[in-house]
Amino acid sequence: MCIRDRLANKSVAKILSDNQWFNVYRIHDTPNIDKLNQLVGVCQNFGHDVKIEGEGDELKSSINELLRDIKGTPEENMIETLVTRCMSKATYTIVNTGHYGLGFTHYSHFTSPIRRYPDLITHRILFDYLNKKPNGNPKKIEDMAKWCSSREILAAKAERESIKFKQIEYLEDKIGNVFNRISEVSNSYRIPENASTAFRKLYLNLQEFEDDFQQHVHLENNILFPKTLKLDFKTLNN
């Protein structure tokens, strides 16, 4: 999204808020503290220091510094994934609490009504405001906002499932191949793999590899393995 779009989204949200009009805001909460603590533990194992004691700009600055430090390192993709997981999910609501990620006190999706329904709702609200029509029904607008958030989650899930299917299909002729990578393994056998774009996630049975894991770091439900990974399995788990 370009700066012009963000400024337009910010300006429209501010105008409607200042005039006490009910509107669909795009809000984004602060990062999850438990996941931030997990991130610190992982980074320390790779010699990276990240400070999470501060709030607001201090925390953003520390995370941005971490992302700069890991550029070009073998662990870059894995740590970037963990940083993303620390972030709260942005949602739609009529209760404006600001957008942490962008650093805006007011933010709405406005510039893409042709492809995103929340933008179209904001267009209609702004149209009514400019034409001096009555303010909208807050319950109706909030229900629409919640519906938009739920559809976004469903779409993201469908996208992940479709990618998973194609990745498994891609791996069908890779059994027996060896890849030197740092992998993250969760209790659901998910491995974001760095071998190539297509290897972001692999699905396999950990038991078949248990004896091969030499160096590992336990992180609650995750285990990090700086280890050669050989695809040597007969079945793939969903």
C-alpha atoms as a PDB file:
ATOM      1  CA  MET A   1       0.000   0.000   0.000  1.00  0.00           C
ATOM      2  CA  CYS A   2       1.442   3.394  -0.987  1.00  0.00           C
ATOM      3  CA  ILE A   3       1.823   6.391   1.350  1.00  0.00           C
ATOM      4  CA  ARG A   4      -0.982   8.210  -0.478  1.00  0.00           C
ATOM      5  CA  ASP A   5      -3.443   5.410   0.309  1.00  0.00           C
ATOM      6  CA  ARG A   6      -2.445   5.286   3.963  1.00  0.00           C
ATOM      7  CA  LEU A   7      -2.840   9.041   4.327  1.00  0.00           C
ATOM      8  CA  ALA A   8      -6.282   8.860   2.710  1.00  0.00           C
ATOM      9  CA  ASN A   9      -7.316   5.998   5.018  1.00  0.00           C
ATOM     10  CA  LYS A  10      -6.024   7.931   8.016  1.00  0.00           C
ATOM     11  CA  SER A  11      -7.664  11.230   7.002  1.00  0.00           C
ATOM     12  CA  VAL A  12     -11.107   9.771   6.357  1.00  0.00           C
ATOM     13  CA  ALA A  13     -11.065   7.934   9.699  1.00  0.00           C
ATOM     14  CA  LYS A  14     -10.016  11.121  11.502  1.00  0.00           C
ATOM     15  CA  ILE A  15     -12.718  13.251   9.856  1.00  0.00           C
ATOM     16  CA  LEU A  16     -15.503  10.810  10.711  1.00  0.00           C
ATOM     17  CA  SER A  17     -14.200  10.340  14.257  1.00  0.00           C
ATOM     18  CA  ASP A  18     -13.854  14.083  14.922  1.00  0.00           C
ATOM     19  CA  ASN A  19     -17.453  14.562  13.818  1.00  0.00           C
ATOM     20  CA  GLN A  20     -18.638  11.654  15.988  1.00  0.00           C
ATOM     21  CA  TRP A  21     -19.812   9.516  13.094  1.00  0.00           C
ATOM     22  CA  PHE A  22     -19.965   5.757  13.512  1.00  0.00           C
ATOM     23  CA  ASN A  23     -17.426   4.177  11.207  1.00  0.00           C
ATOM     24  CA  VAL A  24     -15.593   0.908  10.537  1.00  0.00           C
ATOM     25  CA  TYR A  25     -12.067   1.334  11.889  1.00  0.00           C
ATOM     26  CA  ARG A  26      -9.119  -0.924  11.190  1.00  0.00           C
ATOM     27  CA  ILE A  27      -7.549  -1.442  14.620  1.00  0.00           C
ATOM     28  CA  HIS A  28      -4.345  -3.216  15.582  1.00  0.00           C
ATOM     29  CA  ASP A  29      -3.403  -3.998  19.191  1.00  0.00           C
ATOM     30  CA  THR A  30       0.065  -4.172  20.761  1.00  0.00           C
ATOM     31  CA  PRO A  31       2.152  -7.377  20.372  1.00  0.00           C
ATOM     32  CA  ASN A  32       1.496 -10.426  22.552  1.00  0.00           C
ATOM     33  CA  ILE A  33       3.876 -10.280  25.534  1.00  0.00           C
ATOM     34  CA  ASP A  34       4.121 -14.080  25.954  1.00  0.00           C
ATOM     35  CA  LYS A  35       5.101 -14.523  22.320  1.00  0.00           C
ATOM     36  CA  LEU A  36       7.584 -11.657  22.625  1.00  0.00           C
ATOM     37  CA  ASN A  37       9.264 -13.476  25.516  1.00  0.00           C
ATOM     38  CA  GLN A  38       9.458 -16.613  23.373  1.00  0.00           C
ATOM     39  CA  LEU A  39      11.010 -14.551  20.580  1.00  0.00           C
ATOM     40  CA  VAL A  40      13.683 -13.243  22.964  1.00  0.00           C
ATOM     41  CA  GLY A  41      14.619 -16.803  23.955  1.00  0.00           C
ATOM     42  CA  VAL A  42      14.976 -17.923  20.345  1.00  0.00           C
ATOM     43  CA  CYS A  43      17.002 -14.865  19.341  1.00  0.00           C
ATOM     44  CA  GLN A  44      19.413 -15.339  22.235  1.00  0.00           C
ATOM     45  CA  ASN A  45      20.231 -18.827  20.973  1.00  0.00           C
ATOM     46  CA  PHE A  46      21.417 -17.250  17.736  1.00  0.00           C
ATOM     47  CA  GLY A  47      23.301 -14.424  19.411  1.00  0.00           C
ATOM     48  CA  HIS A  48      20.734 -11.704  18.725  1.00  0.00           C
ATOM     49  CA  ASP A  49      19.635  -9.305  21.430  1.00  0.00           C
ATOM     50  CA  VAL A  50      16.113  -7.877  21.373  1.00  0.00           C
ATOM     51  CA  LYS A  51      14.722  -5.621  24.093  1.00  0.00           C
ATOM     52  CA  ILE A  52      10.990  -5.848  24.797  1.00  0.00           C
ATOM     53  CA  GLU A  53      10.791  -3.867  28.035  1.00  0.00           C
ATOM     54  CA  GLY A  54       9.796  -0.629  26.313  1.00  0.00           C
ATOM     55  CA  GLU A  55       6.453   0.305  24.815  1.00  0.00           C
ATOM     56  CA  GLY A  56       5.336   2.042  21.642  1.00  0.00           C
ATOM     57  CA  ASP A  57       8.221   3.464  19.629  1.00  0.00           C
ATOM     58  CA  GLU A  58      10.874   1.811  21.819  1.00  0.00           C
ATOM     59  CA  LEU A  59       9.551  -1.671  21.126  1.00  0.00           C
ATOM     60  CA  LYS A  60       9.119  -0.947  17.419  1.00  0.00           C
ATOM     61  CA  SER A  61      12.686   0.347  17.230  1.00  0.00           C
ATOM     62  CA  SER A  62      14.037  -2.766  18.951  1.00  0.00           C
ATOM     63  CA  ILE A  63      12.153  -5.141  16.630  1.00  0.00           C
ATOM     64  CA  ASN A  64      13.201  -3.167  13.543  1.00  0.00           C
ATOM     65  CA  GLU A  65      16.825  -3.337  14.692  1.00  0.00           C
ATOM     66  CA  LEU A  66      16.490  -7.102  15.100  1.00  0.00           C
ATOM     67  CA  LEU A  67      15.089  -7.469  11.574  1.00  0.00           C
ATOM     68  CA  ARG A  68      18.032  -5.491  10.211  1.00  0.00           C
ATOM     69  CA  ASP A  69      20.529  -7.617  12.146  1.00  0.00           C
ATOM     70  CA  ILE A  70      19.222 -10.939  10.810  1.00  0.00           C
ATOM     71  CA  LYS A  71      19.285  -9.899   7.150  1.00  0.00           C
ATOM     72  CA  GLY A  72      21.214 -12.460   5.146  1.00  0.00           C
ATOM     73  CA  THR A  73      21.582 -14.916   8.051  1.00  0.00           C
ATOM     74  CA  PRO A  74      20.423 -18.557   7.887  1.00  0.00           C
ATOM     75  CA  GLU A  75      17.888 -17.878  10.635  1.00  0.00           C
ATOM     76  CA  GLU A  76      16.376 -14.817   8.922  1.00  0.00           C
ATOM     77  CA  ASN A  77      13.219 -16.468   7.619  1.00  0.00           C
ATOM     78  CA  MET A  78      12.502 -18.301  10.861  1.00  0.00           C
ATOM     79  CA  ILE A  79      12.910 -15.241  13.102  1.00  0.00           C
ATOM     80  CA  GLU A  80      10.847 -13.085  10.737  1.00  0.00           C
ATOM     81  CA  THR A  81       8.082 -15.695  11.036  1.00  0.00           C
ATOM     82  CA  LEU A  82       8.275 -15.592  14.840  1.00  0.00           C
ATOM     83  CA  VAL A  83       8.167 -11.782  14.824  1.00  0.00           C
ATOM     84  CA  THR A  84       5.024 -11.912  12.695  1.00  0.00           C
ATOM     85  CA  ARG A  85       3.412 -14.321  15.174  1.00  0.00           C
ATOM     86  CA  CYS A  86       4.048 -11.838  17.994  1.00  0.00           C
ATOM     87  CA  MET A  87       1.879  -9.262  16.300  1.00  0.00           C
ATOM     88  CA  SER A  88      -1.809  -8.980  17.086  1.00  0.00           C
ATOM     89  CA  LYS A  89      -4.335  -9.576  14.335  1.00  0.00           C
ATOM     90  CA  ALA A  90      -5.797  -6.399  12.882  1.00  0.00           C
ATOM     91  CA  THR A  91      -9.603  -6.348  12.972  1.00  0.00           C
ATOM     92  CA  TYR A  92     -12.578  -4.166  12.044  1.00  0.00           C
ATOM     93  CA  THR A  93     -14.775  -2.434  14.629  1.00  0.00           C
ATOM     94  CA  ILE A  94     -16.590   0.826  15.320  1.00  0.00           C
ATOM     95  CA  VAL A  95     -14.591   1.228  18.568  1.00  0.00           C
ATOM     96  CA  ASN A  96     -11.424   3.055  17.597  1.00  0.00           C
ATOM     97  CA  THR A  97      -8.316   2.102  19.612  1.00  0.00           C
ATOM     98  CA  GLY A  98      -5.722   3.014  16.994  1.00  0.00           C
ATOM     99  CA  HIS A  99      -3.421   1.032  14.731  1.00  0.00           C
ATOM    100  CA  TYR A 100      -0.237  -0.037  16.545  1.00  0.00           C
ATOM    101  CA  GLY A 101       1.573  -1.379  13.496  1.00  0.00           C
ATOM    102  CA  LEU A 102       1.205   1.825  11.490  1.00  0.00           C
ATOM    103  CA  GLY A 103       1.416   4.126  14.486  1.00  0.00           C
ATOM    104  CA  PHE A 104      -1.886   5.851  13.626  1.00  0.00           C
ATOM    105  CA  THR A 105      -4.495   6.961  16.155  1.00  0.00           C
ATOM    106  CA  HIS A 106      -7.179   6.783  13.439  1.00  0.00           C
ATOM    107  CA  TYR A 107      -7.267   4.357  10.529  1.00  0.00           C
ATOM    108  CA  SER A 108      -9.943   2.918   8.232  1.00  0.00           C
ATOM    109  CA  HIS A 109      -9.778   0.962   5.001  1.00  0.00           C
ATOM    110  CA  PHE A 110     -11.086   3.366   2.384  1.00  0.00           C
ATOM    111  CA  THR A 111      -9.075   3.328  -0.844  1.00  0.00           C
ATOM    112  CA  SER A 112     -10.036  -0.097  -2.264  1.00  0.00           C
ATOM    113  CA  PRO A 113     -13.847  -0.347  -2.362  1.00  0.00           C
ATOM    114  CA  ILE A 114     -13.730  -2.393  -5.577  1.00  0.00           C
ATOM    115  CA  ARG A 115     -12.075  -5.353  -3.825  1.00  0.00           C
ATOM    116  CA  ARG A 116     -12.682  -4.916  -0.089  1.00  0.00           C
ATOM    117  CA  TYR A 117     -16.095  -4.592   1.539  1.00  0.00           C
ATOM    118  CA  PRO A 118     -14.977  -2.549   4.610  1.00  0.00           C
ATOM    119  CA  ASP A 119     -13.763   0.145   2.201  1.00  0.00           C
ATOM    120  CA  LEU A 120     -17.181   0.223   0.548  1.00  0.00           C
ATOM    121  CA  ILE A 121     -18.873   0.606   3.933  1.00  0.00           C
ATOM    122  CA  THR A 122     -16.617   3.561   4.749  1.00  0.00           C
ATOM    123  CA  HIS A 123     -17.382   5.108   1.342  1.00  0.00           C
ATOM    124  CA  ARG A 124     -21.102   4.907   2.059  1.00  0.00           C
ATOM    125  CA  ILE A 125     -20.658   6.381   5.552  1.00  0.00           C
ATOM    126  CA  LEU A 126     -18.546   9.251   4.208  1.00  0.00           C
ATOM    127  CA  PHE A 127     -21.104   9.876   1.457  1.00  0.00           C
ATOM    128  CA  ASP A 128     -23.880  10.153   4.054  1.00  0.00           C
ATOM    129  CA  TYR A 129     -21.741  12.462   6.182  1.00  0.00           C
ATOM    130  CA  LEU A 130     -20.906  14.785   3.275  1.00  0.00           C
ATOM    131  CA  ASN A 131     -24.546  14.892   2.201  1.00  0.00           C
ATOM    132  CA  LYS A 132     -25.671  15.698   5.759  1.00  0.00           C
ATOM    133  CA  LYS A 133     -27.686  12.518   6.169  1.00  0.00           C
ATOM    134  CA  PRO A 134     -28.383  10.974   9.594  1.00  0.00           C
ATOM    135  CA  ASN A 135     -25.624   9.102  11.386  1.00  0.00           C
ATOM    136  CA  GLY A 136     -25.697   5.336  10.903  1.00  0.00           C
ATOM    137  CA  ASN A 137     -26.962   2.643  13.265  1.00  0.00           C
ATOM    138  CA  PRO A 138     -23.967   1.659  15.451  1.00  0.00           C
ATOM    139  CA  LYS A 139     -25.165  -1.909  16.044  1.00  0.00           C
ATOM    140  CA  LYS A 140     -25.659  -2.525  12.337  1.00  0.00           C
ATOM    141  CA  ILE A 141     -22.242  -1.080  11.490  1.00  0.00           C
ATOM    142  CA  GLU A 142     -20.541  -3.097  14.241  1.00  0.00           C
ATOM    143  CA  ASP A 143     -22.229  -6.290  13.008  1.00  0.00           C
ATOM    144  CA  MET A 144     -20.918  -5.576   9.507  1.00  0.00           C
ATOM    145  CA  ALA A 145     -17.442  -4.914  10.926  1.00  0.00           C
ATOM    146  CA  LYS A 146     -17.434  -8.232  12.793  1.00  0.00           C
ATOM    147  CA  TRP A 147     -18.646 -10.031   9.676  1.00  0.00           C
ATOM    148  CA  CYS A 148     -15.791  -8.491   7.647  1.00  0.00           C
ATOM    149  CA  SER A 149     -13.250  -9.620  10.271  1.00  0.00           C
ATOM    150  CA  SER A 150     -14.625 -13.162  10.228  1.00  0.00           C
ATOM    151  CA  ARG A 151     -14.493 -13.313   6.419  1.00  0.00           C
ATOM    152  CA  GLU A 152     -10.896 -12.121   6.463  1.00  0.00           C
ATOM    153  CA  ILE A 153      -9.922 -14.902   8.881  1.00  0.00           C
ATOM    154  CA  LEU A 154     -11.741 -17.472   6.743  1.00  0.00           C
ATOM    155  CA  ALA A 155      -9.999 -16.240   3.585  1.00  0.00           C
ATOM    156  CA  ALA A 156      -6.583 -16.417   5.262  1.00  0.00           C
ATOM    157  CA  LYS A 157      -7.302 -19.971   6.403  1.00  0.00           C
ATOM    158  CA  ALA A 158      -8.348 -20.991   2.885  1.00  0.00           C
ATOM    159  CA  GLU A 159      -5.149 -19.471   1.520  1.00  0.00           C
ATOM    160  CA  ARG A 160      -3.000 -21.403   3.995  1.00  0.00           C
ATOM    161  CA  GLU A 161      -4.787 -24.660   3.218  1.00  0.00           C
ATOM    162  CA  SER A 162      -4.379 -24.209  -0.534  1.00  0.00           C
ATOM    163  CA  ILE A 163      -0.663 -23.464  -0.111  1.00  0.00           C
ATOM    164  CA  LYS A 164      -0.277 -26.517   2.115  1.00  0.00           C
ATOM    165  CA  PHE A 165      -1.907 -28.713  -0.522  1.00  0.00           C
ATOM    166  CA  LYS A 166       0.379 -27.465  -3.301  1.00  0.00           C
ATOM    167  CA  GLN A 167       3.492 -27.787  -1.112  1.00  0.00           C
ATOM    168  CA  ILE A 168       2.691 -31.393  -0.302  1.00  0.00           C
ATOM    169  CA  GLU A 169       2.036 -32.022  -3.989  1.00  0.00           C
ATOM    170  CA  TYR A 170       5.392 -30.419  -4.809  1.00  0.00           C
ATOM    171  CA  LEU A 171       7.206 -32.698  -2.330  1.00  0.00           C
ATOM    172  CA  GLU A 172       5.899 -35.943  -3.776  1.00  0.00           C
ATOM    173  CA  ASP A 173       9.036 -36.483  -5.869  1.00  0.00           C
ATOM    174  CA  LYS A 174      11.455 -35.058  -3.252  1.00  0.00           C
ATOM    175  CA  ILE A 175      11.527 -38.046  -0.895  1.00  0.00           C
ATOM    176  CA  GLY A 176      15.124 -38.911  -0.060  1.00  0.00           C
ATOM    177  CA  ASN A 177      16.478 -35.431  -0.826  1.00  0.00           C
ATOM    178  CA  VAL A 178      18.605 -33.672   1.779  1.00  0.00           C
ATOM    179  CA  PHE A 179      18.335 -29.969   2.621  1.00  0.00           C
ATOM    180  CA  ASN A 180      20.639 -28.046   4.952  1.00  0.00           C
ATOM    181  CA  ARG A 181      18.401 -25.589   6.737  1.00  0.00           C
ATOM    182  CA  ILE A 182      17.327 -24.268  10.119  1.00  0.00           C
ATOM    183  CA  SER A 183      13.781 -25.434  10.646  1.00  0.00           C
ATOM    184  CA  GLU A 184      11.088 -24.777  13.181  1.00  0.00           C
ATOM    185  CA  VAL A 185       9.003 -27.756  14.169  1.00  0.00           C
ATOM    186  CA  SER A 186       5.775 -27.402  16.108  1.00  0.00           C
ATOM    187  CA  ASN A 187       3.641 -29.973  17.855  1.00  0.00           C
ATOM    188  CA  SER A 188       1.485 -30.169  14.722  1.00  0.00           C
ATOM    189  CA  TYR A 189       4.543 -31.130  12.640  1.00  0.00           C
ATOM    190  CA  ARG A 190       4.712 -27.824  10.789  1.00  0.00           C
ATOM    191  CA  ILE A 191       8.124 -26.786   9.464  1.00  0.00           C
ATOM    192  CA  PRO A 192       8.623 -23.364   7.825  1.00  0.00           C
ATOM    193  CA  GLU A 193      11.569 -24.405   5.638  1.00  0.00           C
ATOM    194  CA  ASN A 194      14.089 -22.052   4.038  1.00  0.00           C
ATOM    195  CA  ALA A 195      15.213 -24.267   1.158  1.00  0.00           C
ATOM    196  CA  SER A 196      13.146 -22.243  -1.310  1.00  0.00           C
ATOM    197  CA  THR A 197       9.870 -20.386  -1.484  1.00  0.00           C
ATOM    198  CA  ALA A 198       8.064 -23.663  -2.041  1.00  0.00           C
ATOM    199  CA  PHE A 199       9.588 -25.140   1.130  1.00  0.00           C
ATOM    200  CA  ARG A 200       8.151 -22.673   3.636  1.00  0.00           C
ATOM    201  CA  LYS A 201       6.148 -25.468   5.232  1.00  0.00           C
ATOM    202  CA  LEU A 202       6.739 -29.211   5.204  1.00  0.00           C
ATOM    203  CA  TYR A 203       4.543 -31.811   6.849  1.00  0.00           C
ATOM    204  CA  LEU A 204       6.062 -34.991   8.200  1.00  0.00           C
ATOM    205  CA  ASN A 205       6.056 -37.397  11.111  1.00  0.00           C
ATOM    206  CA  LEU A 206       8.653 -36.348  13.696  1.00  0.00           C
ATOM    207  CA  GLN A 207       9.042 -39.849  15.052  1.00  0.00           C
ATOM    208  CA  GLU A 208      10.805 -40.973  11.881  1.00  0.00           C
ATOM    209  CA  PHE A 209      13.495 -38.338  12.481  1.00  0.00           C
ATOM    210  CA  GLU A 210      13.804 -38.444  16.247  1.00  0.00           C
ATOM    211  CA  ASP A 211      17.259 -40.060  16.261  1.00  0.00           C
ATOM    212  CA  ASP A 212      18.601 -37.567  13.709  1.00  0.00           C
ATOM    213  CA  PHE A 213      18.048 -34.473  15.848  1.00  0.00           C
ATOM    214  CA  GLN A 214      21.371 -33.594  17.475  1.00  0.00           C
ATOM    215  CA  GLN A 215      21.005 -29.994  18.604  1.00  0.00           C
ATOM    216  CA  HIS A 216      17.683 -28.604  19.719  1.00  0.00           C
ATOM    217  CA  VAL A 217      16.105 -25.853  21.791  1.00  0.00           C
ATOM    218  CA  HIS A 218      12.753 -26.498  23.444  1.00  0.00           C
ATOM    219  CA  LEU A 219      10.323 -23.600  23.289  1.00  0.00           C
ATOM    220  CA  GLU A 220       7.020 -24.744  24.804  1.00  0.00           C
ATOM    221  CA  ASN A 221       5.228 -26.322  21.821  1.00  0.00           C
ATOM    222  CA  ASN A 222       8.033 -25.507  19.391  1.00  0.00           C
ATOM    223  CA  ILE A 223      11.407 -27.167  18.894  1.00  0.00           C
ATOM    224  CA  LEU A 224      14.106 -25.470  16.853  1.00  0.00           C
ATOM    225  CA  PHE A 225      16.479 -27.759  15.003  1.00  0.00           C
ATOM    226  CA  PRO A 226      19.671 -26.323  13.437  1.00  0.00           C
ATOM    227  CA  LYS A 227      20.051 -29.603  11.594  1.00  0.00           C
ATOM    228  CA  THR A 228      20.192 -31.223   8.179  1.00  0.00           C
ATOM    229  CA  LEU A 229      16.695 -32.325   7.241  1.00  0.00           C
ATOM    230  CA  LYS A 230      16.258 -35.365   5.018  1.00  0.00           C
ATOM    231  CA  LEU A 231      12.912 -36.076   3.433  1.00  0.00           C
ATOM    232  CA  ASP A 232      12.602 -39.785   4.107  1.00  0.00           C
ATOM    233  CA  PHE A 233       9.016 -40.640   4.897  1.00  0.00           C
ATOM    234  CA  LYS A 234       6.152 -42.579   3.387  1.00  0.00           C
ATOM    235  CA  THR A 235       3.192 -40.637   4.684  1.00  0.00           C
ATOM    236  CA  LEU A 236       2.475 -36.945   5.075  1.00  0.00           C
ATOM    237  CA  ASN A 237       0.407 -35.685   8.012  1.00  0.00           C
ATOM    238  CA  ASN A 238      -2.082 -32.841   7.609  1.00  0.00           C
END
